[in-house]
Amino acid sequence: QVVLVESGGGVVQAGGILKLSCTTSERVSSFAAMAWFRQVTGKEREQVAAMNRGGDAYAAYSLKDRFRISRDDKKNTLDLQGRSLKPEDTDTYYCATRREGETGFDHWGQGTQVTVSA
């Protein structure tokens, strides 16, 4: 069972930057895809960005101008960088992975809280 640990959350001022990191217990290249999601209790979970094994990156259309996903194969981390943060970016951010043959992201970290203060 893969273990995913998110870090980097906290309080950020509106307009500021954010860098989250997800450390995995397995090689990041072993996953078919990895992604960052965010969710506030009571709201629908939203995929922020994703990356496949080949390194192709995807970001949600409404977020692609402010969020960027990257991967470090040596450190086995998946990072998410955000800029020009807004109060509505306040959420718990989760890292998730999908293995080859799986249809969805079935492995999740515990999440890291990000609060954007106005």
N, C-alpha and C. Protein backbone atom coordinates (compact mmCIF):
# COMPACT_ATOMS: atom_id res chain seq x y z
N GLN A 1 0.85 -1.18 0.00
CA GLN A 1 0.00 0.00 0.00
C GLN A 1 0.90 1.25 0.00
N VAL A 2 0.74 2.06 -1.02
CA VAL A 2 1.56 3.27 -1.12
C VAL A 2 1.15 4.24 -0.02
N VAL A 3 2.13 4.96 0.49
CA VAL A 3 1.89 6.00 1.48
C VAL A 3 2.21 7.35 0.84
N LEU A 4 1.26 8.26 0.92
CA LEU A 4 1.42 9.59 0.35
C LEU A 4 1.34 10.61 1.49
N VAL A 5 2.30 11.50 1.55
CA VAL A 5 2.33 12.50 2.61
C VAL A 5 2.46 13.88 1.99
N GLU A 6 1.42 14.70 2.20
CA GLU A 6 1.44 16.07 1.70
C GLU A 6 2.08 17.01 2.71
N SER A 7 2.71 18.04 2.22
CA SER A 7 3.29 19.06 3.09
C SER A 7 3.26 20.40 2.38
N GLY A 8 3.47 21.45 3.16
CA GLY A 8 3.55 22.78 2.57
C GLY A 8 2.33 23.64 2.78
N GLY A 9 1.30 23.10 3.39
CA GLY A 9 0.11 23.90 3.62
C GLY A 9 0.31 24.93 4.71
N GLY A 10 -0.67 25.78 4.90
CA GLY A 10 -0.59 26.81 5.91
C GLY A 10 -1.43 28.01 5.51
N VAL A 11 -1.11 29.13 6.09
CA VAL A 11 -1.84 30.37 5.79
C VAL A 11 -1.02 31.20 4.82
N VAL A 12 -1.67 31.62 3.77
CA VAL A 12 -1.04 32.42 2.72
C VAL A 12 -1.88 33.67 2.51
N GLN A 13 -1.25 34.77 2.30
CA GLN A 13 -2.00 36.00 2.03
C GLN A 13 -2.51 36.00 0.59
N ALA A 14 -3.63 36.60 0.39
CA ALA A 14 -4.18 36.72 -0.96
C ALA A 14 -3.14 37.39 -1.86
N GLY A 15 -3.01 36.84 -3.05
CA GLY A 15 -2.00 37.35 -3.98
C GLY A 15 -0.65 36.67 -3.83
N GLY A 16 -0.51 35.84 -2.80
CA GLY A 16 0.76 35.18 -2.54
C GLY A 16 0.94 33.90 -3.33
N ILE A 17 2.01 33.20 -3.01
CA ILE A 17 2.35 31.96 -3.71
C ILE A 17 2.25 30.78 -2.75
N LEU A 18 2.18 29.60 -3.36
CA LEU A 18 2.03 28.38 -2.60
C LEU A 18 2.86 27.28 -3.24
N LYS A 19 3.50 26.47 -2.41
CA LYS A 19 4.16 25.29 -2.93
C LYS A 19 3.84 24.11 -2.02
N LEU A 20 3.16 23.15 -2.58
CA LEU A 20 2.84 21.93 -1.86
C LEU A 20 3.69 20.79 -2.41
N SER A 21 4.00 19.86 -1.55
CA SER A 21 4.78 18.71 -1.97
C SER A 21 4.14 17.44 -1.46
N CYS A 22 4.15 16.42 -2.27
CA CYS A 22 3.63 15.11 -1.91
C CYS A 22 4.76 14.10 -2.03
N THR A 23 5.13 13.50 -0.92
CA THR A 23 6.19 12.50 -0.92
C THR A 23 5.55 11.12 -0.94
N THR A 24 6.05 10.27 -1.81
CA THR A 24 5.49 8.92 -1.95
C THR A 24 6.46 7.87 -1.43
N SER A 25 5.89 6.74 -1.00
CA SER A 25 6.71 5.64 -0.50
C SER A 25 7.21 4.75 -1.63
N GLU A 26 6.75 5.03 -2.85
CA GLU A 26 7.19 4.29 -4.02
C GLU A 26 7.69 5.25 -5.07
N ARG A 27 8.39 4.72 -6.05
CA ARG A 27 8.88 5.58 -7.12
C ARG A 27 7.71 6.24 -7.85
N VAL A 28 7.80 7.54 -8.05
CA VAL A 28 6.71 8.24 -8.73
C VAL A 28 6.51 7.72 -10.14
N SER A 29 7.58 7.21 -10.74
CA SER A 29 7.48 6.70 -12.10
C SER A 29 6.72 5.37 -12.15
N SER A 30 6.42 4.80 -10.99
CA SER A 30 5.69 3.54 -10.98
C SER A 30 4.18 3.74 -11.15
N PHE A 31 3.72 4.96 -11.04
CA PHE A 31 2.30 5.24 -11.14
C PHE A 31 1.91 5.65 -12.56
N ALA A 32 0.76 5.23 -12.96
CA ALA A 32 0.26 5.64 -14.28
C ALA A 32 -0.03 7.13 -14.29
N ALA A 33 -0.48 7.64 -13.15
CA ALA A 33 -0.78 9.07 -13.06
C ALA A 33 -0.78 9.49 -11.59
N MET A 34 -0.51 10.77 -11.38
CA MET A 34 -0.58 11.36 -10.06
C MET A 34 -1.31 12.68 -10.19
N ALA A 35 -1.93 13.11 -9.11
CA ALA A 35 -2.73 14.32 -9.22
C ALA A 35 -2.86 15.02 -7.88
N TRP A 36 -3.22 16.29 -7.96
CA TRP A 36 -3.60 17.09 -6.79
C TRP A 36 -5.09 17.41 -6.92
N PHE A 37 -5.78 17.18 -5.82
CA PHE A 37 -7.19 17.54 -5.72
C PHE A 37 -7.34 18.50 -4.55
N ARG A 38 -8.50 19.15 -4.49
CA ARG A 38 -8.80 19.96 -3.33
C ARG A 38 -10.27 19.83 -3.00
N GLN A 39 -10.57 20.00 -1.73
CA GLN A 39 -11.95 19.84 -1.30
C GLN A 39 -12.17 20.53 0.03
N VAL A 40 -13.30 21.19 0.14
CA VAL A 40 -13.78 21.71 1.40
C VAL A 40 -14.97 20.86 1.81
N THR A 41 -15.06 20.57 3.09
CA THR A 41 -16.16 19.74 3.59
C THR A 41 -17.49 20.28 3.10
N GLY A 42 -18.26 19.40 2.48
CA GLY A 42 -19.57 19.81 2.00
C GLY A 42 -19.57 20.25 0.56
N LYS A 43 -18.41 20.37 -0.04
CA LYS A 43 -18.31 20.77 -1.43
C LYS A 43 -17.75 19.61 -2.25
N GLU A 44 -17.97 19.68 -3.54
CA GLU A 44 -17.49 18.64 -4.43
C GLU A 44 -15.98 18.71 -4.57
N ARG A 45 -15.36 17.55 -4.63
CA ARG A 45 -13.91 17.51 -4.80
C ARG A 45 -13.54 17.97 -6.20
N GLU A 46 -12.47 18.71 -6.30
CA GLU A 46 -12.05 19.29 -7.57
C GLU A 46 -10.61 18.87 -7.87
N GLN A 47 -10.39 18.40 -9.08
CA GLN A 47 -9.03 18.08 -9.48
C GLN A 47 -8.34 19.37 -9.89
N VAL A 48 -7.21 19.65 -9.28
CA VAL A 48 -6.47 20.87 -9.59
C VAL A 48 -5.55 20.63 -10.78
N ALA A 49 -4.78 19.56 -10.71
CA ALA A 49 -3.82 19.27 -11.78
C ALA A 49 -3.42 17.81 -11.70
N ALA A 50 -2.93 17.29 -12.80
CA ALA A 50 -2.51 15.89 -12.86
C ALA A 50 -1.34 15.74 -13.81
N MET A 51 -0.63 14.62 -13.63
CA MET A 51 0.50 14.34 -14.51
C MET A 51 0.56 12.84 -14.72
N ASN A 52 0.80 12.41 -15.97
CA ASN A 52 0.92 10.98 -16.21
C ASN A 52 2.38 10.54 -16.15
N ARG A 53 2.59 9.26 -16.29
CA ARG A 53 3.93 8.71 -16.16
C ARG A 53 4.89 9.35 -17.14
N GLY A 54 4.40 9.68 -18.32
CA GLY A 54 5.25 10.27 -19.34
C GLY A 54 5.58 11.73 -19.09
N GLY A 55 4.98 12.31 -18.07
CA GLY A 55 5.28 13.70 -17.75
C GLY A 55 4.32 14.71 -18.34
N ASP A 56 3.30 14.23 -19.04
CA ASP A 56 2.30 15.15 -19.58
C ASP A 56 1.47 15.71 -18.43
N ALA A 57 1.36 17.03 -18.38
CA ALA A 57 0.67 17.68 -17.28
C ALA A 57 -0.66 18.24 -17.73
N TYR A 58 -1.60 18.25 -16.81
CA TYR A 58 -2.93 18.80 -17.06
C TYR A 58 -3.33 19.62 -15.85
N ALA A 59 -3.94 20.75 -16.08
CA ALA A 59 -4.48 21.55 -14.99
C ALA A 59 -5.91 21.92 -15.32
N ALA A 60 -6.74 22.02 -14.32
CA ALA A 60 -8.13 22.42 -14.53
C ALA A 60 -8.16 23.75 -15.28
N TYR A 61 -9.10 23.87 -16.18
CA TYR A 61 -9.14 25.04 -17.06
C TYR A 61 -9.18 26.35 -16.27
N SER A 62 -9.98 26.37 -15.23
CA SER A 62 -10.13 27.61 -14.46
C SER A 62 -8.92 27.89 -13.58
N LEU A 63 -8.01 26.94 -13.45
CA LEU A 63 -6.86 27.10 -12.57
C LEU A 63 -5.53 27.09 -13.31
N LYS A 64 -5.55 26.75 -14.56
CA LYS A 64 -4.30 26.49 -15.29
C LYS A 64 -3.38 27.70 -15.37
N ASP A 65 -3.93 28.89 -15.25
CA ASP A 65 -3.07 30.08 -15.32
C ASP A 65 -2.38 30.37 -14.00
N ARG A 66 -2.80 29.71 -12.92
CA ARG A 66 -2.24 30.02 -11.61
C ARG A 66 -1.60 28.83 -10.92
N PHE A 67 -1.90 27.62 -11.36
CA PHE A 67 -1.36 26.44 -10.71
C PHE A 67 -0.53 25.62 -11.70
N ARG A 68 0.53 25.04 -11.18
CA ARG A 68 1.41 24.21 -12.02
C ARG A 68 1.85 22.98 -11.24
N ILE A 69 1.81 21.86 -11.90
CA ILE A 69 2.20 20.60 -11.27
C ILE A 69 3.55 20.18 -11.81
N SER A 70 4.36 19.57 -10.96
CA SER A 70 5.66 19.08 -11.39
C SER A 70 6.03 17.85 -10.58
N ARG A 71 7.02 17.14 -11.06
CA ARG A 71 7.42 15.88 -10.43
C ARG A 71 8.92 15.81 -10.32
N ASP A 72 9.40 15.27 -9.22
CA ASP A 72 10.83 15.05 -9.03
C ASP A 72 11.05 13.55 -8.86
N ASP A 73 11.57 12.93 -9.90
CA ASP A 73 11.75 11.48 -9.87
C ASP A 73 12.82 11.04 -8.88
N LYS A 74 13.78 11.90 -8.60
CA LYS A 74 14.85 11.53 -7.66
C LYS A 74 14.36 11.59 -6.23
N LYS A 75 13.54 12.59 -5.94
CA LYS A 75 13.02 12.75 -4.58
C LYS A 75 11.71 12.00 -4.37
N ASN A 76 11.15 11.48 -5.45
CA ASN A 76 9.84 10.83 -5.39
C ASN A 76 8.78 11.76 -4.81
N THR A 77 8.71 12.93 -5.37
CA THR A 77 7.71 13.90 -4.94
C THR A 77 6.90 14.42 -6.12
N LEU A 78 5.69 14.82 -5.80
CA LEU A 78 4.81 15.50 -6.75
C LEU A 78 4.51 16.86 -6.14
N ASP A 79 4.84 17.91 -6.85
CA ASP A 79 4.68 19.25 -6.31
C ASP A 79 3.56 20.02 -7.00
N LEU A 80 2.99 20.95 -6.27
CA LEU A 80 1.98 21.84 -6.83
C LEU A 80 2.36 23.26 -6.45
N GLN A 81 2.50 24.10 -7.44
CA GLN A 81 2.82 25.50 -7.20
C GLN A 81 1.63 26.36 -7.61
N GLY A 82 1.31 27.31 -6.76
CA GLY A 82 0.22 28.21 -7.07
C GLY A 82 0.68 29.65 -6.88
N ARG A 83 0.08 30.53 -7.62
CA ARG A 83 0.40 31.96 -7.50
C ARG A 83 -0.87 32.77 -7.58
N SER A 84 -0.76 34.03 -7.20
CA SER A 84 -1.94 34.92 -7.20
C SER A 84 -3.11 34.26 -6.49
N LEU A 85 -2.82 33.73 -5.32
CA LEU A 85 -3.84 32.98 -4.60
C LEU A 85 -5.00 33.88 -4.18
N LYS A 86 -6.18 33.27 -4.13
CA LYS A 86 -7.40 33.97 -3.77
C LYS A 86 -8.02 33.29 -2.56
N PRO A 87 -8.85 34.00 -1.80
CA PRO A 87 -9.52 33.37 -0.66
C PRO A 87 -10.28 32.11 -1.04
N GLU A 88 -10.82 32.07 -2.25
CA GLU A 88 -11.57 30.88 -2.67
C GLU A 88 -10.67 29.68 -2.96
N ASP A 89 -9.35 29.87 -2.91
CA ASP A 89 -8.43 28.73 -3.02
C ASP A 89 -8.26 28.02 -1.68
N THR A 90 -8.87 28.57 -0.65
CA THR A 90 -8.82 27.93 0.66
C THR A 90 -9.49 26.57 0.60
N ASP A 91 -8.74 25.53 0.91
CA ASP A 91 -9.23 24.15 0.78
C ASP A 91 -8.25 23.22 1.46
N THR A 92 -8.63 21.98 1.59
CA THR A 92 -7.68 20.93 1.92
C THR A 92 -7.22 20.33 0.60
N TYR A 93 -5.92 20.26 0.42
CA TYR A 93 -5.35 19.78 -0.82
C TYR A 93 -4.82 18.36 -0.61
N TYR A 94 -5.19 17.49 -1.56
CA TYR A 94 -4.85 16.08 -1.46
C TYR A 94 -4.02 15.64 -2.66
N CYS A 95 -3.10 14.75 -2.38
CA CYS A 95 -2.32 14.09 -3.42
C CYS A 95 -2.93 12.71 -3.65
N ALA A 96 -2.96 12.27 -4.89
CA ALA A 96 -3.54 10.97 -5.20
C ALA A 96 -2.78 10.31 -6.34
N THR A 97 -2.84 8.99 -6.37
CA THR A 97 -2.16 8.25 -7.43
C THR A 97 -3.08 7.22 -8.05
N ARG A 98 -2.76 6.87 -9.26
CA ARG A 98 -3.49 5.82 -9.99
C ARG A 98 -2.47 4.88 -10.60
N ARG A 99 -2.66 3.62 -10.37
CA ARG A 99 -1.76 2.62 -10.94
C ARG A 99 -2.26 2.18 -12.30
N GLU A 100 -1.37 1.56 -13.05
CA GLU A 100 -1.74 1.03 -14.36
C GLU A 100 -2.87 0.01 -14.18
N GLY A 101 -3.87 0.13 -15.02
CA GLY A 101 -5.00 -0.79 -14.95
C GLY A 101 -6.13 -0.31 -14.05
N GLU A 102 -5.87 0.67 -13.21
CA GLU A 102 -6.94 1.22 -12.36
C GLU A 102 -7.70 2.28 -13.13
N THR A 103 -8.95 2.44 -12.80
CA THR A 103 -9.78 3.40 -13.53
C THR A 103 -9.83 4.75 -12.87
N GLY A 104 -9.46 4.81 -11.61
CA GLY A 104 -9.53 6.09 -10.91
C GLY A 104 -8.35 6.24 -9.97
N PHE A 105 -8.35 7.38 -9.29
CA PHE A 105 -7.31 7.63 -8.30
C PHE A 105 -7.74 6.98 -7.00
N ASP A 106 -7.11 5.88 -6.68
CA ASP A 106 -7.55 5.07 -5.55
C ASP A 106 -6.67 5.19 -4.31
N HIS A 107 -5.59 5.94 -4.40
CA HIS A 107 -4.66 6.05 -3.29
C HIS A 107 -4.50 7.52 -2.95
N TRP A 108 -4.76 7.85 -1.69
CA TRP A 108 -4.83 9.25 -1.28
C TRP A 108 -3.97 9.52 -0.06
N GLY A 109 -3.46 10.75 0.01
CA GLY A 109 -2.80 11.19 1.21
C GLY A 109 -3.82 11.73 2.20
N GLN A 110 -3.34 12.20 3.33
CA GLN A 110 -4.23 12.72 4.38
C GLN A 110 -4.66 14.15 4.12
N GLY A 111 -3.96 14.82 3.23
CA GLY A 111 -4.33 16.18 2.90
C GLY A 111 -3.55 17.21 3.69
N THR A 112 -3.43 18.39 3.12
CA THR A 112 -2.81 19.51 3.81
C THR A 112 -3.69 20.74 3.63
N GLN A 113 -3.92 21.44 4.72
CA GLN A 113 -4.84 22.58 4.71
C GLN A 113 -4.14 23.83 4.20
N VAL A 114 -4.79 24.50 3.28
CA VAL A 114 -4.31 25.79 2.78
C VAL A 114 -5.40 26.82 3.07
N THR A 115 -5.03 27.89 3.73
CA THR A 115 -5.96 28.98 4.02
C THR A 115 -5.39 30.26 3.42
N VAL A 116 -6.18 30.87 2.56
CA VAL A 116 -5.77 32.12 1.94
C VAL A 116 -6.51 33.26 2.63
N SER A 117 -5.75 34.11 3.27
CA SER A 117 -6.36 35.22 4.02
C SER A 117 -6.50 36.44 3.12
N ALA A 118 -7.64 37.11 3.27
CA ALA A 118 -7.91 38.28 2.42
C ALA A 118 -7.07 39.48 2.85
